[in-house]
Amino acid sequence: MKKIIVLTVLLFTFVVAFSQKIYKTKYDYQADIKVYVVEHDYQADLKVYVVDYDYQADGNKGLWYFVDYDYQADKKVYFTDYDYQADLKIYFVDYDYQAGWRNTSKKYLLY
């Protein structure tokens, strides 16, 4: 019985740790990472698709769900005005199958 409880807790922790619930901060010092939205997909480190429901935003695949409160978020981001201020450059795509990493060396930012 203890093994089942431990495995359940570990599984839940694993799923939560890699989900992509995002909160947009007002100030850069409140954020975990700073993000810049580029004009073209080839300029991006990550192509992002915004999903409609939080359960769709699992894994570190560029599927983001924006939450209303910071305590609901896995990551807090600040959108910068200039690319040189950003830790991560993203491009918003129109379809979920287009989302994904272009620069996998920055993947650690969203773990």
PDB file of N, CA and C in Angstrom:
ATOM      1  N   MET A   1       0.823  -1.198   0.000  1.00  0.00           N
ATOM      2  CA  MET A   1       0.000   0.000   0.000  1.00  0.00           C
ATOM      3  C   MET A   1       0.866   1.261   0.000  1.00  0.00           C
ATOM      4  N   LYS A   2       1.933   1.260   0.802  1.00  0.00           N
ATOM      5  CA  LYS A   2       2.823   2.423   0.855  1.00  0.00           C
ATOM      6  C   LYS A   2       3.490   2.667  -0.498  1.00  0.00           C
ATOM      7  N   LYS A   3       3.814   1.573  -1.189  1.00  0.00           N
ATOM      8  CA  LYS A   3       4.460   1.703  -2.498  1.00  0.00           C
ATOM      9  C   LYS A   3       3.535   2.387  -3.497  1.00  0.00           C
ATOM     10  N   ILE A   4       2.271   2.057  -3.436  1.00  0.00           N
ATOM     11  CA  ILE A   4       1.302   2.651  -4.350  1.00  0.00           C
ATOM     12  C   ILE A   4       1.170   4.154  -4.081  1.00  0.00           C
ATOM     13  N   ILE A   5       1.127   4.520  -2.816  1.00  0.00           N
ATOM     14  CA  ILE A   5       1.019   5.935  -2.454  1.00  0.00           C
ATOM     15  C   ILE A   5       2.265   6.693  -2.905  1.00  0.00           C
ATOM     16  N   VAL A   6       3.426   6.134  -2.663  1.00  0.00           N
ATOM     17  CA  VAL A   6       4.681   6.780  -3.057  1.00  0.00           C
ATOM     18  C   VAL A   6       4.746   6.928  -4.576  1.00  0.00           C
ATOM     19  N   LEU A   7       4.379   5.888  -5.305  1.00  0.00           N
ATOM     20  CA  LEU A   7       4.400   5.959  -6.767  1.00  0.00           C
ATOM     21  C   LEU A   7       3.407   6.995  -7.293  1.00  0.00           C
ATOM     22  N   THR A   8       2.259   7.085  -6.679  1.00  0.00           N
ATOM     23  CA  THR A   8       1.257   8.070  -7.085  1.00  0.00           C
ATOM     24  C   THR A   8       1.768   9.486  -6.869  1.00  0.00           C
ATOM     25  N   VAL A   9       2.371   9.728  -5.730  1.00  0.00           N
ATOM     26  CA  VAL A   9       2.922  11.052  -5.433  1.00  0.00           C
ATOM     27  C   VAL A   9       4.041  11.402  -6.412  1.00  0.00           C
ATOM     28  N   LEU A  10       4.928  10.457  -6.691  1.00  0.00           N
ATOM     29  CA  LEU A  10       6.019  10.697  -7.632  1.00  0.00           C
ATOM     30  C   LEU A  10       5.498  10.973  -9.036  1.00  0.00           C
ATOM     31  N   LEU A  11       4.512  10.232  -9.459  1.00  0.00           N
ATOM     32  CA  LEU A  11       3.929  10.436 -10.778  1.00  0.00           C
ATOM     33  C   LEU A  11       3.286  11.816 -10.881  1.00  0.00           C
ATOM     34  N   PHE A  12       2.543  12.196  -9.864  1.00  0.00           N
ATOM     35  CA  PHE A  12       1.906  13.512  -9.850  1.00  0.00           C
ATOM     36  C   PHE A  12       2.956  14.616  -9.875  1.00  0.00           C
ATOM     37  N   THR A  13       4.006  14.472  -9.107  1.00  0.00           N
ATOM     38  CA  THR A  13       5.084  15.455  -9.068  1.00  0.00           C
ATOM     39  C   THR A  13       5.757  15.569 -10.428  1.00  0.00           C
ATOM     40  N   PHE A  14       5.980  14.446 -11.081  1.00  0.00           N
ATOM     41  CA  PHE A  14       6.611  14.439 -12.399  1.00  0.00           C
ATOM     42  C   PHE A  14       5.753  15.179 -13.418  1.00  0.00           C
ATOM     43  N   VAL A  15       4.463  14.929 -13.418  1.00  0.00           N
ATOM     44  CA  VAL A  15       3.555  15.577 -14.366  1.00  0.00           C
ATOM     45  C   VAL A  15       3.493  17.080 -14.117  1.00  0.00           C
ATOM     46  N   VAL A  16       3.374  17.484 -12.867  1.00  0.00           N
ATOM     47  CA  VAL A  16       3.292  18.905 -12.535  1.00  0.00           C
ATOM     48  C   VAL A  16       4.595  19.623 -12.870  1.00  0.00           C
ATOM     49  N   ALA A  17       5.719  18.981 -12.655  1.00  0.00           N
ATOM     50  CA  ALA A  17       7.018  19.623 -12.869  1.00  0.00           C
ATOM     51  C   ALA A  17       7.269  19.974 -14.330  1.00  0.00           C
ATOM     52  N   PHE A  18       6.625  19.288 -15.253  1.00  0.00           N
ATOM     53  CA  PHE A  18       6.893  19.528 -16.656  1.00  0.00           C
ATOM     54  C   PHE A  18       5.721  20.147 -17.402  1.00  0.00           C
ATOM     55  N   SER A  19       4.740  20.615 -16.703  1.00  0.00           N
ATOM     56  CA  SER A  19       3.637  21.275 -17.389  1.00  0.00           C
ATOM     57  C   SER A  19       3.999  22.729 -17.646  1.00  0.00           C
ATOM     58  N   GLN A  20       3.247  23.376 -18.515  1.00  0.00           N
ATOM     59  CA  GLN A  20       3.602  24.713 -18.965  1.00  0.00           C
ATOM     60  C   GLN A  20       2.476  25.702 -18.705  1.00  0.00           C
ATOM     61  N   LYS A  21       2.160  25.886 -17.457  1.00  0.00           N
ATOM     62  CA  LYS A  21       1.193  26.904 -17.079  1.00  0.00           C
ATOM     63  C   LYS A  21       1.980  28.185 -16.834  1.00  0.00           C
ATOM     64  N   ILE A  22       1.621  29.217 -17.560  1.00  0.00           N
ATOM     65  CA  ILE A  22       2.414  30.439 -17.611  1.00  0.00           C
ATOM     66  C   ILE A  22       1.626  31.612 -17.036  1.00  0.00           C
ATOM     67  N   TYR A  23       2.316  32.424 -16.253  1.00  0.00           N
ATOM     68  CA  TYR A  23       1.747  33.663 -15.743  1.00  0.00           C
ATOM     69  C   TYR A  23       2.574  34.823 -16.287  1.00  0.00           C
ATOM     70  N   LYS A  24       1.899  35.805 -16.840  1.00  0.00           N
ATOM     71  CA  LYS A  24       2.562  36.988 -17.386  1.00  0.00           C
ATOM     72  C   LYS A  24       2.691  38.036 -16.286  1.00  0.00           C
ATOM     73  N   THR A  25       3.924  38.408 -15.942  1.00  0.00           N
ATOM     74  CA  THR A  25       4.168  39.389 -14.887  1.00  0.00           C
ATOM     75  C   THR A  25       4.177  40.809 -15.460  1.00  0.00           C
ATOM     76  N   LYS A  26       3.998  41.770 -14.569  1.00  0.00           N
ATOM     77  CA  LYS A  26       4.033  43.177 -14.981  1.00  0.00           C
ATOM     78  C   LYS A  26       5.454  43.738 -14.984  1.00  0.00           C
ATOM     79  N   TYR A  27       6.307  43.159 -14.154  1.00  0.00           N
ATOM     80  CA  TYR A  27       7.676  43.670 -14.012  1.00  0.00           C
ATOM     81  C   TYR A  27       8.677  42.537 -14.181  1.00  0.00           C
ATOM     82  N   ASP A  28       9.843  42.867 -14.725  1.00  0.00           N
ATOM     83  CA  ASP A  28      10.839  41.839 -15.011  1.00  0.00           C
ATOM     84  C   ASP A  28      11.381  41.147 -13.760  1.00  0.00           C
ATOM     85  N   TYR A  29      11.484  41.848 -12.659  1.00  0.00           N
ATOM     86  CA  TYR A  29      12.023  41.243 -11.442  1.00  0.00           C
ATOM     87  C   TYR A  29      11.084  40.194 -10.833  1.00  0.00           C
ATOM     88  N   GLN A  30       9.825  40.172 -11.253  1.00  0.00           N
ATOM     89  CA  GLN A  30       8.863  39.182 -10.757  1.00  0.00           C
ATOM     90  C   GLN A  30       8.933  37.870 -11.534  1.00  0.00           C
ATOM     91  N   ALA A  31       9.612  37.873 -12.648  1.00  0.00           N
ATOM     92  CA  ALA A  31       9.590  36.738 -13.567  1.00  0.00           C
ATOM     93  C   ALA A  31      10.697  35.729 -13.321  1.00  0.00           C
ATOM     94  N   ASP A  32      10.401  34.492 -13.693  1.00  0.00           N
ATOM     95  CA  ASP A  32      11.422  33.436 -13.704  1.00  0.00           C
ATOM     96  C   ASP A  32      12.292  33.572 -14.947  1.00  0.00           C
ATOM     97  N   ILE A  33      11.660  33.905 -16.056  1.00  0.00           N
ATOM     98  CA  ILE A  33      12.396  34.117 -17.303  1.00  0.00           C
ATOM     99  C   ILE A  33      11.830  35.312 -18.052  1.00  0.00           C
ATOM    100  N   LYS A  34      12.705  35.934 -18.847  1.00  0.00           N
ATOM    101  CA  LYS A  34      12.294  37.054 -19.685  1.00  0.00           C
ATOM    102  C   LYS A  34      12.174  36.551 -21.120  1.00  0.00           C
ATOM    103  N   VAL A  35      11.076  36.948 -21.777  1.00  0.00           N
ATOM    104  CA  VAL A  35      10.733  36.418 -23.091  1.00  0.00           C
ATOM    105  C   VAL A  35      10.544  37.564 -24.080  1.00  0.00           C
ATOM    106  N   TYR A  36      10.992  37.328 -25.300  1.00  0.00           N
ATOM    107  CA  TYR A  36      10.774  38.295 -26.376  1.00  0.00           C
ATOM    108  C   TYR A  36      10.052  37.580 -27.514  1.00  0.00           C
ATOM    109  N   VAL A  37       9.037  38.215 -28.057  1.00  0.00           N
ATOM    110  CA  VAL A  37       8.281  37.645 -29.174  1.00  0.00           C
ATOM    111  C   VAL A  37       8.884  38.165 -30.479  1.00  0.00           C
ATOM    112  N   VAL A  38       9.387  37.241 -31.290  1.00  0.00           N
ATOM    113  CA  VAL A  38      10.020  37.596 -32.565  1.00  0.00           C
ATOM    114  C   VAL A  38       8.976  37.655 -33.679  1.00  0.00           C
ATOM    115  N   GLU A  39       9.370  38.256 -34.798  1.00  0.00           N
ATOM    116  CA  GLU A  39       8.446  38.430 -35.919  1.00  0.00           C
ATOM    117  C   GLU A  39       8.345  37.208 -36.824  1.00  0.00           C
ATOM    118  N   HIS A  40       9.397  36.407 -36.869  1.00  0.00           N
ATOM    119  CA  HIS A  40       9.439  35.252 -37.771  1.00  0.00           C
ATOM    120  C   HIS A  40       9.823  34.000 -36.991  1.00  0.00           C
ATOM    121  N   ASP A  41       9.282  32.872 -37.391  1.00  0.00           N
ATOM    122  CA  ASP A  41       9.530  31.628 -36.648  1.00  0.00           C
ATOM    123  C   ASP A  41      10.990  31.191 -36.655  1.00  0.00           C
ATOM    124  N   TYR A  42      11.734  31.497 -37.709  1.00  0.00           N
ATOM    125  CA  TYR A  42      13.135  31.080 -37.765  1.00  0.00           C
ATOM    126  C   TYR A  42      14.020  31.839 -36.769  1.00  0.00           C
ATOM    127  N   GLN A  43      13.519  32.940 -36.211  1.00  0.00           N
ATOM    128  CA  GLN A  43      14.272  33.716 -35.229  1.00  0.00           C
ATOM    129  C   GLN A  43      14.079  33.185 -33.808  1.00  0.00           C
ATOM    130  N   ALA A  44      13.126  32.310 -33.627  1.00  0.00           N
ATOM    131  CA  ALA A  44      12.714  31.875 -32.288  1.00  0.00           C
ATOM    132  C   ALA A  44      13.540  30.705 -31.761  1.00  0.00           C
ATOM    133  N   ASP A  45      13.660  30.681 -30.434  1.00  0.00           N
ATOM    134  CA  ASP A  45      14.195  29.505 -29.752  1.00  0.00           C
ATOM    135  C   ASP A  45      13.092  28.472 -29.570  1.00  0.00           C
ATOM    136  N   LEU A  46      11.879  28.981 -29.370  1.00  0.00           N
ATOM    137  CA  LEU A  46      10.719  28.118 -29.109  1.00  0.00           C
ATOM    138  C   LEU A  46       9.509  28.655 -29.851  1.00  0.00           C
ATOM    139  N   LYS A  47       8.822  27.753 -30.546  1.00  0.00           N
ATOM    140  CA  LYS A  47       7.556  28.116 -31.177  1.00  0.00           C
ATOM    141  C   LYS A  47       6.444  27.686 -30.218  1.00  0.00           C
ATOM    142  N   VAL A  48       5.587  28.640 -29.871  1.00  0.00           N
ATOM    143  CA  VAL A  48       4.584  28.439 -28.816  1.00  0.00           C
ATOM    144  C   VAL A  48       3.179  28.444 -29.396  1.00  0.00           C
ATOM    145  N   TYR A  49       2.385  27.495 -28.922  1.00  0.00           N
ATOM    146  CA  TYR A  49       0.955  27.475 -29.219  1.00  0.00           C
ATOM    147  C   TYR A  49       0.219  27.632 -27.896  1.00  0.00           C
ATOM    148  N   VAL A  50      -0.721  28.555 -27.843  1.00  0.00           N
ATOM    149  CA  VAL A  50      -1.497  28.798 -26.626  1.00  0.00           C
ATOM    150  C   VAL A  50      -2.722  27.904 -26.655  1.00  0.00           C
ATOM    151  N   VAL A  51      -2.825  27.026 -25.664  1.00  0.00           N
ATOM    152  CA  VAL A  51      -3.944  26.076 -25.592  1.00  0.00           C
ATOM    153  C   VAL A  51      -5.101  26.686 -24.809  1.00  0.00           C
ATOM    154  N   ASP A  52      -6.276  26.076 -24.970  1.00  0.00           N
ATOM    155  CA  ASP A  52      -7.496  26.588 -24.345  1.00  0.00           C
ATOM    156  C   ASP A  52      -7.708  26.096 -22.915  1.00  0.00           C
ATOM    157  N   TYR A  53      -7.130  24.938 -22.597  1.00  0.00           N
ATOM    158  CA  TYR A  53      -7.358  24.327 -21.278  1.00  0.00           C
ATOM    159  C   TYR A  53      -6.029  23.927 -20.653  1.00  0.00           C
ATOM    160  N   ASP A  54      -5.949  24.019 -19.341  1.00  0.00           N
ATOM    161  CA  ASP A  54      -4.679  23.751 -18.651  1.00  0.00           C
ATOM    162  C   ASP A  54      -4.181  22.320 -18.828  1.00  0.00           C
ATOM    163  N   TYR A  55      -5.080  21.351 -18.937  1.00  0.00           N
ATOM    164  CA  TYR A  55      -4.644  19.955 -19.072  1.00  0.00           C
ATOM    165  C   TYR A  55      -3.971  19.696 -20.427  1.00  0.00           C
ATOM    166  N   GLN A  56      -4.145  20.588 -21.384  1.00  0.00           N
ATOM    167  CA  GLN A  56      -3.505  20.437 -22.692  1.00  0.00           C
ATOM    168  C   GLN A  56      -2.052  20.892 -22.675  1.00  0.00           C
ATOM    169  N   ALA A  57      -1.653  21.583 -21.651  1.00  0.00           N
ATOM    170  CA  ALA A  57      -0.310  22.165 -21.581  1.00  0.00           C
ATOM    171  C   ALA A  57       0.639  21.269 -20.811  1.00  0.00           C
ATOM    172  N   ASP A  58       0.787  20.045 -21.268  1.00  0.00           N
ATOM    173  CA  ASP A  58       1.704  19.141 -20.575  1.00  0.00           C
ATOM    174  C   ASP A  58       2.993  18.981 -21.363  1.00  0.00           C
ATOM    175  N   GLY A  59       4.043  18.725 -20.656  1.00  0.00           N
ATOM    176  CA  GLY A  59       5.347  18.560 -21.278  1.00  0.00           C
ATOM    177  C   GLY A  59       5.988  19.898 -21.627  1.00  0.00           C
ATOM    178  N   ASN A  60       7.217  19.834 -22.008  1.00  0.00           N
ATOM    179  CA  ASN A  60       7.988  21.017 -22.383  1.00  0.00           C
ATOM    180  C   ASN A  60       8.068  21.071 -23.909  1.00  0.00           C
ATOM    181  N   LYS A  61       6.891  21.202 -24.536  1.00  0.00           N
ATOM    182  CA  LYS A  61       6.789  21.110 -25.986  1.00  0.00           C
ATOM    183  C   LYS A  61       6.337  22.401 -26.647  1.00  0.00           C
ATOM    184  N   GLY A  62       6.206  23.461 -25.896  1.00  0.00           N
ATOM    185  CA  GLY A  62       5.758  24.719 -26.470  1.00  0.00           C
ATOM    186  C   GLY A  62       4.256  24.915 -26.421  1.00  0.00           C
ATOM    187  N   LEU A  63       3.565  24.098 -25.652  1.00  0.00           N
ATOM    188  CA  LEU A  63       2.131  24.255 -25.465  1.00  0.00           C
ATOM    189  C   LEU A  63       1.924  24.991 -24.150  1.00  0.00           C
ATOM    190  N   TRP A  64       1.491  26.235 -24.228  1.00  0.00           N
ATOM    191  CA  TRP A  64       1.359  27.081 -23.051  1.00  0.00           C
ATOM    192  C   TRP A  64      -0.098  27.358 -22.740  1.00  0.00           C
ATOM    193  N   TYR A  65      -0.368  27.431 -21.455  1.00  0.00           N
ATOM    194  CA  TYR A  65      -1.676  27.847 -20.962  1.00  0.00           C
ATOM    195  C   TYR A  65      -1.440  29.017 -20.014  1.00  0.00           C
ATOM    196  N   PHE A  66      -2.042  30.151 -20.301  1.00  0.00           N
ATOM    197  CA  PHE A  66      -1.866  31.330 -19.461  1.00  0.00           C
ATOM    198  C   PHE A  66      -2.876  31.315 -18.315  1.00  0.00           C
ATOM    199  N   VAL A  67      -2.365  31.423 -17.103  1.00  0.00           N
ATOM    200  CA  VAL A  67      -3.207  31.417 -15.905  1.00  0.00           C
ATOM    201  C   VAL A  67      -3.433  32.845 -15.423  1.00  0.00           C
ATOM    202  N   ASP A  68      -4.437  33.017 -14.577  1.00  0.00           N
ATOM    203  CA  ASP A  68      -4.808  34.342 -14.099  1.00  0.00           C
ATOM    204  C   ASP A  68      -4.018  34.814 -12.879  1.00  0.00           C
ATOM    205  N   TYR A  69      -3.472  33.861 -12.128  1.00  0.00           N
ATOM    206  CA  TYR A  69      -2.776  34.208 -10.882  1.00  0.00           C
ATOM    207  C   TYR A  69      -1.407  33.547 -10.847  1.00  0.00           C
ATOM    208  N   ASP A  70      -0.442  34.228 -10.250  1.00  0.00           N
ATOM    209  CA  ASP A  70       0.929  33.715 -10.236  1.00  0.00           C
ATOM    210  C   ASP A  70       1.071  32.402  -9.484  1.00  0.00           C
ATOM    211  N   TYR A  71       0.282  32.181  -8.454  1.00  0.00           N
ATOM    212  CA  TYR A  71       0.396  30.936  -7.685  1.00  0.00           C
ATOM    213  C   TYR A  71      -0.083  29.714  -8.478  1.00  0.00           C
ATOM    214  N   GLN A  72      -0.801  29.921  -9.563  1.00  0.00           N
ATOM    215  CA  GLN A  72      -1.260  28.817 -10.412  1.00  0.00           C
ATOM    216  C   GLN A  72      -0.208  28.409 -11.436  1.00  0.00           C
ATOM    217  N   ALA A  73       0.803  29.222 -11.613  1.00  0.00           N
ATOM    218  CA  ALA A  73       1.763  29.045 -12.705  1.00  0.00           C
ATOM    219  C   ALA A  73       2.917  28.132 -12.352  1.00  0.00           C
ATOM    220  N   ASP A  74       3.420  27.467 -13.388  1.00  0.00           N
ATOM    221  CA  ASP A  74       4.667  26.714 -13.278  1.00  0.00           C
ATOM    222  C   ASP A  74       5.843  27.649 -13.544  1.00  0.00           C
ATOM    223  N   LYS A  75       5.632  28.593 -14.434  1.00  0.00           N
ATOM    224  CA  LYS A  75       6.664  29.585 -14.749  1.00  0.00           C
ATOM    225  C   LYS A  75       6.020  30.958 -14.877  1.00  0.00           C
ATOM    226  N   LYS A  76       6.751  31.960 -14.386  1.00  0.00           N
ATOM    227  CA  LYS A  76       6.321  33.345 -14.529  1.00  0.00           C
ATOM    228  C   LYS A  76       7.228  33.998 -15.563  1.00  0.00           C
ATOM    229  N   VAL A  77       6.613  34.636 -16.556  1.00  0.00           N
ATOM    230  CA  VAL A  77       7.400  35.242 -17.624  1.00  0.00           C
ATOM    231  C   VAL A  77       7.115  36.732 -17.728  1.00  0.00           C
ATOM    232  N   TYR A  78       8.113  37.437 -18.189  1.00  0.00           N
ATOM    233  CA  TYR A  78       7.993  38.858 -18.469  1.00  0.00           C
ATOM    234  C   TYR A  78       8.318  39.049 -19.946  1.00  0.00           C
ATOM    235  N   PHE A  79       7.440  39.737 -20.663  1.00  0.00           N
ATOM    236  CA  PHE A  79       7.661  39.993 -22.078  1.00  0.00           C
ATOM    237  C   PHE A  79       8.440  41.297 -22.236  1.00  0.00           C
ATOM    238  N   THR A  80       9.632  41.187 -22.806  1.00  0.00           N
ATOM    239  CA  THR A  80      10.523  42.335 -22.961  1.00  0.00           C
ATOM    240  C   THR A  80      10.215  43.111 -24.243  1.00  0.00           C
ATOM    241  N   ASP A  81      10.731  44.303 -24.312  1.00  0.00           N
ATOM    242  CA  ASP A  81      10.555  45.141 -25.494  1.00  0.00           C
ATOM    243  C   ASP A  81      11.630  44.906 -26.549  1.00  0.00           C
ATOM    244  N   TYR A  82      12.761  44.364 -26.128  1.00  0.00           N
ATOM    245  CA  TYR A  82      13.888  44.159 -27.036  1.00  0.00           C
ATOM    246  C   TYR A  82      14.443  42.749 -26.879  1.00  0.00           C
ATOM    247  N   ASP A  83      14.926  42.198 -27.981  1.00  0.00           N
ATOM    248  CA  ASP A  83      15.410  40.813 -27.966  1.00  0.00           C
ATOM    249  C   ASP A  83      16.640  40.611 -27.080  1.00  0.00           C
ATOM    250  N   TYR A  84      17.504  41.611 -26.991  1.00  0.00           N
ATOM    251  CA  TYR A  84      18.720  41.461 -26.178  1.00  0.00           C
ATOM    252  C   TYR A  84      18.430  41.400 -24.683  1.00  0.00           C
ATOM    253  N   GLN A  85      17.222  41.784 -24.264  1.00  0.00           N
ATOM    254  CA  GLN A  85      16.836  41.721 -22.856  1.00  0.00           C
ATOM    255  C   GLN A  85      16.312  40.336 -22.461  1.00  0.00           C
ATOM    256  N   ALA A  86      16.038  39.508 -23.429  1.00  0.00           N
ATOM    257  CA  ALA A  86      15.335  38.253 -23.188  1.00  0.00           C
ATOM    258  C   ALA A  86      16.263  37.067 -22.952  1.00  0.00           C
ATOM    259  N   ASP A  87      15.764  36.151 -22.126  1.00  0.00           N
ATOM    260  CA  ASP A  87      16.421  34.853 -21.947  1.00  0.00           C
ATOM    261  C   ASP A  87      15.996  33.892 -23.050  1.00  0.00           C
ATOM    262  N   LEU A  88      14.786  34.092 -23.540  1.00  0.00           N
ATOM    263  CA  LEU A  88      14.173  33.165 -24.491  1.00  0.00           C
ATOM    264  C   LEU A  88      13.409  33.954 -25.545  1.00  0.00           C
ATOM    265  N   LYS A  89      13.604  33.583 -26.811  1.00  0.00           N
ATOM    266  CA  LYS A  89      12.860  34.203 -27.907  1.00  0.00           C
ATOM    267  C   LYS A  89      11.794  33.221 -28.373  1.00  0.00           C
ATOM    268  N   ILE A  90      10.555  33.708 -28.455  1.00  0.00           N
ATOM    269  CA  ILE A  90       9.466  32.825 -28.854  1.00  0.00           C
ATOM    270  C   ILE A  90       8.730  33.401 -30.066  1.00  0.00           C
ATOM    271  N   TYR A  91       8.004  32.503 -30.717  1.00  0.00           N
ATOM    272  CA  TYR A  91       7.134  32.870 -31.830  1.00  0.00           C
ATOM    273  C   TYR A  91       5.822  32.138 -31.620  1.00  0.00           C
ATOM    274  N   PHE A  92       4.704  32.865 -31.666  1.00  0.00           N
ATOM    275  CA  PHE A  92       3.401  32.242 -31.488  1.00  0.00           C
ATOM    276  C   PHE A  92       2.926  31.656 -32.813  1.00  0.00           C
ATOM    277  N   VAL A  93       2.562  30.378 -32.791  1.00  0.00           N
ATOM    278  CA  VAL A  93       2.093  29.683 -33.991  1.00  0.00           C
ATOM    279  C   VAL A  93       0.584  29.513 -33.946  1.00  0.00           C
ATOM    280  N   ASP A  94       0.007  29.173 -35.086  1.00  0.00           N
ATOM    281  CA  ASP A  94      -1.442  29.069 -35.216  1.00  0.00           C
ATOM    282  C   ASP A  94      -2.002  27.682 -34.896  1.00  0.00           C
ATOM    283  N   TYR A  95      -1.159  26.663 -34.940  1.00  0.00           N
ATOM    284  CA  TYR A  95      -1.625  25.288 -34.729  1.00  0.00           C
ATOM    285  C   TYR A  95      -0.707  24.565 -33.749  1.00  0.00           C
ATOM    286  N   ASP A  96      -1.282  23.667 -32.972  1.00  0.00           N
ATOM    287  CA  ASP A  96      -0.502  22.971 -31.939  1.00  0.00           C
ATOM    288  C   ASP A  96       0.621  22.116 -32.510  1.00  0.00           C
ATOM    289  N   TYR A  97       0.436  21.535 -33.679  1.00  0.00           N
ATOM    290  CA  TYR A  97       1.478  20.680 -34.251  1.00  0.00           C
ATOM    291  C   TYR A  97       2.716  21.477 -34.686  1.00  0.00           C
ATOM    292  N   GLN A  98       2.592  22.802 -34.793  1.00  0.00           N
ATOM    293  CA  GLN A  98       3.729  23.645 -35.170  1.00  0.00           C
ATOM    294  C   GLN A  98       4.610  23.991 -33.975  1.00  0.00           C
ATOM    295  N   ALA A  99       4.116  23.800 -32.784  1.00  0.00           N
ATOM    296  CA  ALA A  99       4.859  24.175 -31.574  1.00  0.00           C
ATOM    297  C   ALA A  99       6.053  23.252 -31.372  1.00  0.00           C
ATOM    298  N   GLY A 100       7.085  23.815 -30.769  1.00  0.00           N
ATOM    299  CA  GLY A 100       8.254  22.996 -30.446  1.00  0.00           C
ATOM    300  C   GLY A 100       9.522  23.824 -30.376  1.00  0.00           C
ATOM    301  N   TRP A 101      10.571  23.152 -29.931  1.00  0.00           N
ATOM    302  CA  TRP A 101      11.864  23.809 -29.738  1.00  0.00           C
ATOM    303  C   TRP A 101      12.654  23.880 -31.033  1.00  0.00           C
ATOM    304  N   ARG A 102      13.234  25.018 -31.292  1.00  0.00           N
ATOM    305  CA  ARG A 102      14.175  25.198 -32.390  1.00  0.00           C
ATOM    306  C   ARG A 102      15.597  25.214 -31.827  1.00  0.00           C
ATOM    307  N   ASN A 103      15.745  25.721 -30.616  1.00  0.00           N
ATOM    308  CA  ASN A 103      17.044  25.791 -29.949  1.00  0.00           C
ATOM    309  C   ASN A 103      16.935  25.006 -28.643  1.00  0.00           C
ATOM    310  N   THR A 104      17.268  23.741 -28.694  1.00  0.00           N
ATOM    311  CA  THR A 104      17.085  22.871 -27.524  1.00  0.00           C
ATOM    312  C   THR A 104      18.040  23.199 -26.378  1.00  0.00           C
ATOM    313  N   SER A 105      19.071  23.990 -26.622  1.00  0.00           N
ATOM    314  CA  SER A 105      20.002  24.351 -25.548  1.00  0.00           C
ATOM    315  C   SER A 105      19.322  25.249 -24.505  1.00  0.00           C
ATOM    316  N   LYS A 106      18.187  25.838 -24.838  1.00  0.00           N
ATOM    317  CA  LYS A 106      17.471  26.704 -23.902  1.00  0.00           C
ATOM    318  C   LYS A 106      16.289  25.993 -23.233  1.00  0.00           C
ATOM    319  N   LYS A 107      16.146  24.734 -23.491  1.00  0.00           N
ATOM    320  CA  LYS A 107      15.031  23.959 -22.946  1.00  0.00           C
ATOM    321  C   LYS A 107      15.004  23.971 -21.427  1.00  0.00           C
ATOM    322  N   TYR A 108      16.149  24.044 -20.823  1.00  0.00           N
ATOM    323  CA  TYR A 108      16.248  24.042 -19.357  1.00  0.00           C
ATOM    324  C   TYR A 108      15.512  25.210 -18.718  1.00  0.00           C
ATOM    325  N   LEU A 109      15.315  26.285 -19.449  1.00  0.00           N
ATOM    326  CA  LEU A 109      14.644  27.468 -18.884  1.00  0.00           C
ATOM    327  C   LEU A 109      13.207  27.181 -18.450  1.00  0.00           C
ATOM    328  N   LEU A 110      12.580  26.205 -19.061  1.00  0.00           N
ATOM    329  CA  LEU A 110      11.189  25.906 -18.748  1.00  0.00           C
ATOM    330  C   LEU A 110      11.005  24.630 -17.956  1.00  0.00           C
ATOM    331  N   TYR A 111      12.079  24.104 -17.385  1.00  0.00           N
ATOM    332  CA  TYR A 111      11.929  22.940 -16.477  1.00  0.00           C
ATOM    333  C   TYR A 111      11.737  23.399 -15.069  1.00  0.00           C
TER     334      TYR A 111
END
